[in-house]
């Protein structure tokens, strides 16, 4: 096992849902998806974004897309035109999640497609 960036296993898309955040995380491979399902919990994502104050984090599995969808409630400080945050619509939060360090088998990071 080694620490790798989540971005070695997946890519992400994100955006606002009112004051909430929606982050889609799509694995590069089936092995990456299986690893994420087993290891990337809603609690871990919630803790990663804790400085932004989410009140609840829910994870949805989309196996046909090799994807996980995380919905973080109240993380955008009101969202849209209400928030004074630089990223009030949460477009960069998916990229931020890809910087999360995870413990993973060494071979998993090498499975990223070119």
C-alpha atoms as a PDB file:
ATOM      1  CA  UNK A   1       0.000   0.000   0.000  1.00  0.00           C
ATOM      2  CA  UNK A   2       1.066   3.549  -0.681  1.00  0.00           C
ATOM      3  CA  UNK A   3      -0.465   7.008  -0.530  1.00  0.00           C
ATOM      4  CA  UNK A   4      -1.679   8.262  -3.888  1.00  0.00           C
ATOM      5  CA  UNK A   5      -3.828  11.157  -5.058  1.00  0.00           C
ATOM      6  CA  UNK A   6      -7.443  10.237  -5.703  1.00  0.00           C
ATOM      7  CA  UNK A   7      -6.858  11.748  -9.160  1.00  0.00           C
ATOM      8  CA  UNK A   8      -4.670   8.745 -10.010  1.00  0.00           C
ATOM      9  CA  UNK A   9      -7.765   6.529  -9.802  1.00  0.00           C
ATOM     10  CA  UNK A  10     -10.560   8.800 -11.059  1.00  0.00           C
ATOM     11  CA  UNK A  11     -11.601  12.102 -12.553  1.00  0.00           C
ATOM     12  CA  UNK A  12     -14.372  14.383 -11.306  1.00  0.00           C
ATOM     13  CA  UNK A  13     -17.136  16.811 -12.242  1.00  0.00           C
ATOM     14  CA  UNK A  14     -18.839  19.058  -9.743  1.00  0.00           C
ATOM     15  CA  UNK A  15     -21.321  21.849  -9.333  1.00  0.00           C
ATOM     16  CA  UNK A  16     -23.895  23.422  -7.077  1.00  0.00           C
ATOM     17  CA  UNK A  17     -27.339  22.285  -6.115  1.00  0.00           C
ATOM     18  CA  UNK A  18     -28.479  25.419  -4.280  1.00  0.00           C
ATOM     19  CA  UNK A  19     -26.339  25.612  -1.162  1.00  0.00           C
ATOM     20  CA  UNK A  20     -25.317  21.977  -1.660  1.00  0.00           C
ATOM     21  CA  UNK A  21     -22.560  20.419  -3.728  1.00  0.00           C
ATOM     22  CA  UNK A  22     -22.726  17.543  -6.173  1.00  0.00           C
ATOM     23  CA  UNK A  23     -19.436  15.766  -6.980  1.00  0.00           C
ATOM     24  CA  UNK A  24     -19.346  12.993  -9.547  1.00  0.00           C
ATOM     25  CA  UNK A  25     -16.253  10.807  -9.269  1.00  0.00           C
ATOM     26  CA  UNK A  26     -15.617   8.516 -12.245  1.00  0.00           C
ATOM     27  CA  UNK A  27     -13.047   5.734 -11.963  1.00  0.00           C
ATOM     28  CA  UNK A  28     -10.599   5.153 -14.795  1.00  0.00           C
ATOM     29  CA  UNK A  29     -10.944   1.357 -14.521  1.00  0.00           C
ATOM     30  CA  UNK A  30     -13.193  -1.322 -13.023  1.00  0.00           C
ATOM     31  CA  UNK A  31     -10.469  -2.112 -10.473  1.00  0.00           C
ATOM     32  CA  UNK A  32     -10.370   1.563  -9.507  1.00  0.00           C
ATOM     33  CA  UNK A  33     -14.151   1.661  -9.102  1.00  0.00           C
ATOM     34  CA  UNK A  34     -14.147  -1.479  -6.963  1.00  0.00           C
ATOM     35  CA  UNK A  35     -11.445   0.057  -4.771  1.00  0.00           C
ATOM     36  CA  UNK A  36     -13.364   3.332  -4.397  1.00  0.00           C
ATOM     37  CA  UNK A  37     -16.613   1.551  -3.499  1.00  0.00           C
ATOM     38  CA  UNK A  38     -14.789  -0.354  -0.770  1.00  0.00           C
ATOM     39  CA  UNK A  39     -12.689   2.526   0.551  1.00  0.00           C
ATOM     40  CA  UNK A  40     -14.064   6.000  -0.218  1.00  0.00           C
ATOM     41  CA  UNK A  41     -16.958   6.473   2.164  1.00  0.00           C
ATOM     42  CA  UNK A  42     -19.287   9.421   2.559  1.00  0.00           C
ATOM     43  CA  UNK A  43     -17.684   9.954   5.971  1.00  0.00           C
ATOM     44  CA  UNK A  44     -14.194  10.313   4.460  1.00  0.00           C
ATOM     45  CA  UNK A  45     -15.418  12.833   1.888  1.00  0.00           C
ATOM     46  CA  UNK A  46     -17.335  14.698   4.593  1.00  0.00           C
ATOM     47  CA  UNK A  47     -14.190  14.904   6.721  1.00  0.00           C
ATOM     48  CA  UNK A  48     -12.116  16.109   3.739  1.00  0.00           C
ATOM     49  CA  UNK A  49     -14.515  19.028   3.189  1.00  0.00           C
ATOM     50  CA  UNK A  50     -15.134  19.670   6.902  1.00  0.00           C
ATOM     51  CA  UNK A  51     -13.483  23.144   6.786  1.00  0.00           C
ATOM     52  CA  UNK A  52     -16.327  24.216   4.454  1.00  0.00           C
ATOM     53  CA  UNK A  53     -19.001  23.123   6.934  1.00  0.00           C
ATOM     54  CA  UNK A  54     -21.097  20.442   5.225  1.00  0.00           C
ATOM     55  CA  UNK A  55     -24.017  19.349   7.389  1.00  0.00           C
ATOM     56  CA  UNK A  56     -24.500  15.991   5.651  1.00  0.00           C
ATOM     57  CA  UNK A  57     -22.753  13.916   2.963  1.00  0.00           C
ATOM     58  CA  UNK A  58     -24.452  11.137   1.008  1.00  0.00           C
ATOM     59  CA  UNK A  59     -22.790   8.727  -1.436  1.00  0.00           C
ATOM     60  CA  UNK A  60     -24.577   7.162  -4.409  1.00  0.00           C
ATOM     61  CA  UNK A  61     -23.098   4.310  -6.444  1.00  0.00           C
ATOM     62  CA  UNK A  62     -23.456   4.174 -10.234  1.00  0.00           C
ATOM     63  CA  UNK A  63     -21.719   0.909 -11.180  1.00  0.00           C
ATOM     64  CA  UNK A  64     -22.738   1.064 -14.838  1.00  0.00           C
ATOM     65  CA  UNK A  65     -20.725   4.309 -15.115  1.00  0.00           C
ATOM     66  CA  UNK A  66     -17.929   3.229 -12.747  1.00  0.00           C
ATOM     67  CA  UNK A  67     -18.927   6.305 -10.747  1.00  0.00           C
ATOM     68  CA  UNK A  68     -19.708   7.528  -7.283  1.00  0.00           C
ATOM     69  CA  UNK A  69     -21.795  10.633  -6.687  1.00  0.00           C
ATOM     70  CA  UNK A  70     -21.371  12.601  -3.465  1.00  0.00           C
ATOM     71  CA  UNK A  71     -23.923  15.181  -2.364  1.00  0.00           C
ATOM     72  CA  UNK A  72     -22.735  17.538   0.376  1.00  0.00           C
ATOM     73  CA  UNK A  73     -25.462  19.601   2.052  1.00  0.00           C
ATOM     74  CA  UNK A  74     -24.940  23.248   2.983  1.00  0.00           C
ATOM     75  CA  UNK A  75     -21.280  23.279   1.923  1.00  0.00           C
ATOM     76  CA  UNK A  76     -21.474  26.325  -0.390  1.00  0.00           C
ATOM     77  CA  UNK A  77     -22.368  28.954   2.212  1.00  0.00           C
ATOM     78  CA  UNK A  78     -25.705  29.697   0.574  1.00  0.00           C
ATOM     79  CA  UNK A  79     -24.488  29.055  -2.981  1.00  0.00           C
ATOM     80  CA  UNK A  80     -24.735  31.059  -6.202  1.00  0.00           C
ATOM     81  CA  UNK A  81     -25.259  34.778  -5.785  1.00  0.00           C
ATOM     82  CA  UNK A  82     -25.746  34.530  -1.995  1.00  0.00           C
ATOM     83  CA  UNK A  83     -22.265  33.270  -1.102  1.00  0.00           C
ATOM     84  CA  UNK A  84     -19.165  35.438  -0.872  1.00  0.00           C
ATOM     85  CA  UNK A  85     -16.887  32.457  -1.552  1.00  0.00           C
ATOM     86  CA  UNK A  86     -14.712  32.577  -4.651  1.00  0.00           C
ATOM     87  CA  UNK A  87     -16.206  29.283  -5.882  1.00  0.00           C
ATOM     88  CA  UNK A  88     -19.828  29.848  -4.826  1.00  0.00           C
ATOM     89  CA  UNK A  89     -21.073  27.359  -7.429  1.00  0.00           C
ATOM     90  CA  UNK A  90     -18.673  24.586  -6.438  1.00  0.00           C
ATOM     91  CA  UNK A  91     -17.109  24.064  -9.873  1.00  0.00           C
ATOM     92  CA  UNK A  92     -13.633  23.480  -8.391  1.00  0.00           C
ATOM     93  CA  UNK A  93     -14.597  21.187  -5.534  1.00  0.00           C
ATOM     94  CA  UNK A  94     -14.363  18.055  -7.693  1.00  0.00           C
ATOM     95  CA  UNK A  95     -10.795  19.025  -8.576  1.00  0.00           C
ATOM     96  CA  UNK A  96     -10.089  19.611  -4.892  1.00  0.00           C
ATOM     97  CA  UNK A  97     -11.355  16.122  -4.043  1.00  0.00           C
ATOM     98  CA  UNK A  98      -8.952  14.634  -6.594  1.00  0.00           C
ATOM     99  CA  UNK A  99      -6.087  15.958  -4.427  1.00  0.00           C
ATOM    100  CA  UNK A 100      -7.231  13.827  -1.477  1.00  0.00           C
ATOM    101  CA  UNK A 101      -4.573  11.301  -0.473  1.00  0.00           C
ATOM    102  CA  UNK A 102      -5.717   7.693  -0.144  1.00  0.00           C
ATOM    103  CA  UNK A 103      -4.003   4.471   0.842  1.00  0.00           C
ATOM    104  CA  UNK A 104      -4.064   2.239  -2.225  1.00  0.00           C
ATOM    105  CA  UNK A 105      -2.267  -0.763  -3.678  1.00  0.00           C
ATOM    106  CA  UNK A 106       0.720   0.358  -5.735  1.00  0.00           C
ATOM    107  CA  UNK A 107      -0.574  -1.287  -8.913  1.00  0.00           C
ATOM    108  CA  UNK A 108      -3.825   0.704  -8.752  1.00  0.00           C
ATOM    109  CA  UNK A 109      -2.083   3.984  -9.589  1.00  0.00           C
ATOM    110  CA  UNK A 110      -0.466   2.381 -12.622  1.00  0.00           C
ATOM    111  CA  UNK A 111      -3.843   1.451 -14.148  1.00  0.00           C
ATOM    112  CA  UNK A 112      -4.660   4.999 -15.245  1.00  0.00           C
ATOM    113  CA  UNK A 113      -5.347   4.990 -18.983  1.00  0.00           C
ATOM    114  CA  UNK A 114      -3.247   7.200 -21.287  1.00  0.00           C
END
